[in-house]
């Protein structure tokens, strides 16, 4: 193998991916919902609903919000 081929091979080996794999979006949303539940405040649930209003967990957050509002 000539020196140019060796250099190209070592350069490609050195370029290992440094960017982490993308997280599962639903796992991130579930973590945010659990954080809102731990806080258990109107503001926490309202923020969750504002960010993730279309997510199925938003229905749970709305129920939690109603519970706190009573």
Protein backbone atom coordinates (compact mmCIF):
# COMPACT_ATOMS: atom_id res chain seq x y z
CA UNK A 1 0.00 0.00 0.00
CA UNK A 2 1.46 3.37 -0.93
CA UNK A 3 1.75 6.28 1.47
CA UNK A 4 -1.27 8.15 0.00
CA UNK A 5 -3.51 5.12 0.46
CA UNK A 6 -2.24 4.66 4.02
CA UNK A 7 -2.89 8.32 4.80
CA UNK A 8 -6.41 8.14 3.37
CA UNK A 9 -7.15 4.96 5.31
CA UNK A 10 -5.87 6.37 8.61
CA UNK A 11 -7.80 9.62 8.05
CA UNK A 12 -11.04 7.71 7.47
CA UNK A 13 -10.42 5.60 10.57
CA UNK A 14 -9.80 8.75 12.60
CA UNK A 15 -13.17 10.18 11.55
CA UNK A 16 -15.27 8.09 13.86
CA UNK A 17 -18.67 9.61 14.53
CA UNK A 18 -18.60 11.95 17.49
CA UNK A 19 -22.25 12.94 17.34
CA UNK A 20 -24.38 10.81 19.66
CA UNK A 21 -27.33 8.94 18.25
CA UNK A 22 -30.61 10.82 18.29
CA UNK A 23 -32.85 10.13 21.27
CA UNK A 24 -36.28 8.66 20.88
CA UNK A 25 -38.58 11.72 20.91
CA UNK A 26 -41.29 9.89 22.83
CA UNK A 27 -38.81 9.06 25.61
CA UNK A 28 -37.87 12.73 25.90
CA UNK A 29 -41.55 13.75 26.09
CA UNK A 30 -42.20 11.09 28.74
CA UNK A 31 -39.30 12.43 30.80
CA UNK A 32 -40.71 15.95 30.56
CA UNK A 33 -44.10 14.69 31.69
CA UNK A 34 -42.54 12.92 34.68
CA UNK A 35 -40.69 16.12 35.57
CA UNK A 36 -44.01 18.00 35.48
CA UNK A 37 -45.59 15.33 37.72
CA UNK A 38 -42.73 15.62 40.22
CA UNK A 39 -43.24 19.40 40.38
CA UNK A 40 -47.03 18.94 40.44
CA UNK A 41 -47.75 22.61 39.80
CA UNK A 42 -50.15 24.39 37.46
CA UNK A 43 -47.20 26.04 35.74
CA UNK A 44 -45.41 22.74 35.11
CA UNK A 45 -48.47 21.11 33.55
CA UNK A 46 -49.31 24.22 31.51
CA UNK A 47 -45.77 24.31 30.13
CA UNK A 48 -45.90 20.62 29.25
CA UNK A 49 -49.22 21.07 27.44
CA UNK A 50 -47.91 24.14 25.60
CA UNK A 51 -44.88 22.19 24.39
CA UNK A 52 -46.56 18.84 23.70
CA UNK A 53 -50.26 19.53 23.28
CA UNK A 54 -50.68 16.88 20.57
CA UNK A 55 -48.93 14.12 22.51
CA UNK A 56 -51.10 11.48 24.23
CA UNK A 57 -49.47 12.40 27.55
CA UNK A 58 -50.98 15.88 27.21
CA UNK A 59 -54.37 14.35 28.09
CA UNK A 60 -52.90 13.11 31.38
CA UNK A 61 -51.36 16.53 31.97
CA UNK A 62 -54.76 18.16 31.36
CA UNK A 63 -56.34 15.82 33.90
CA UNK A 64 -53.60 16.66 36.39
CA UNK A 65 -54.18 20.34 35.69
CA UNK A 66 -57.92 19.96 36.36
CA UNK A 67 -57.18 18.11 39.59
CA UNK A 68 -54.98 20.94 40.83
CA UNK A 69 -57.47 23.60 39.73
CA UNK A 70 -60.28 22.20 41.91
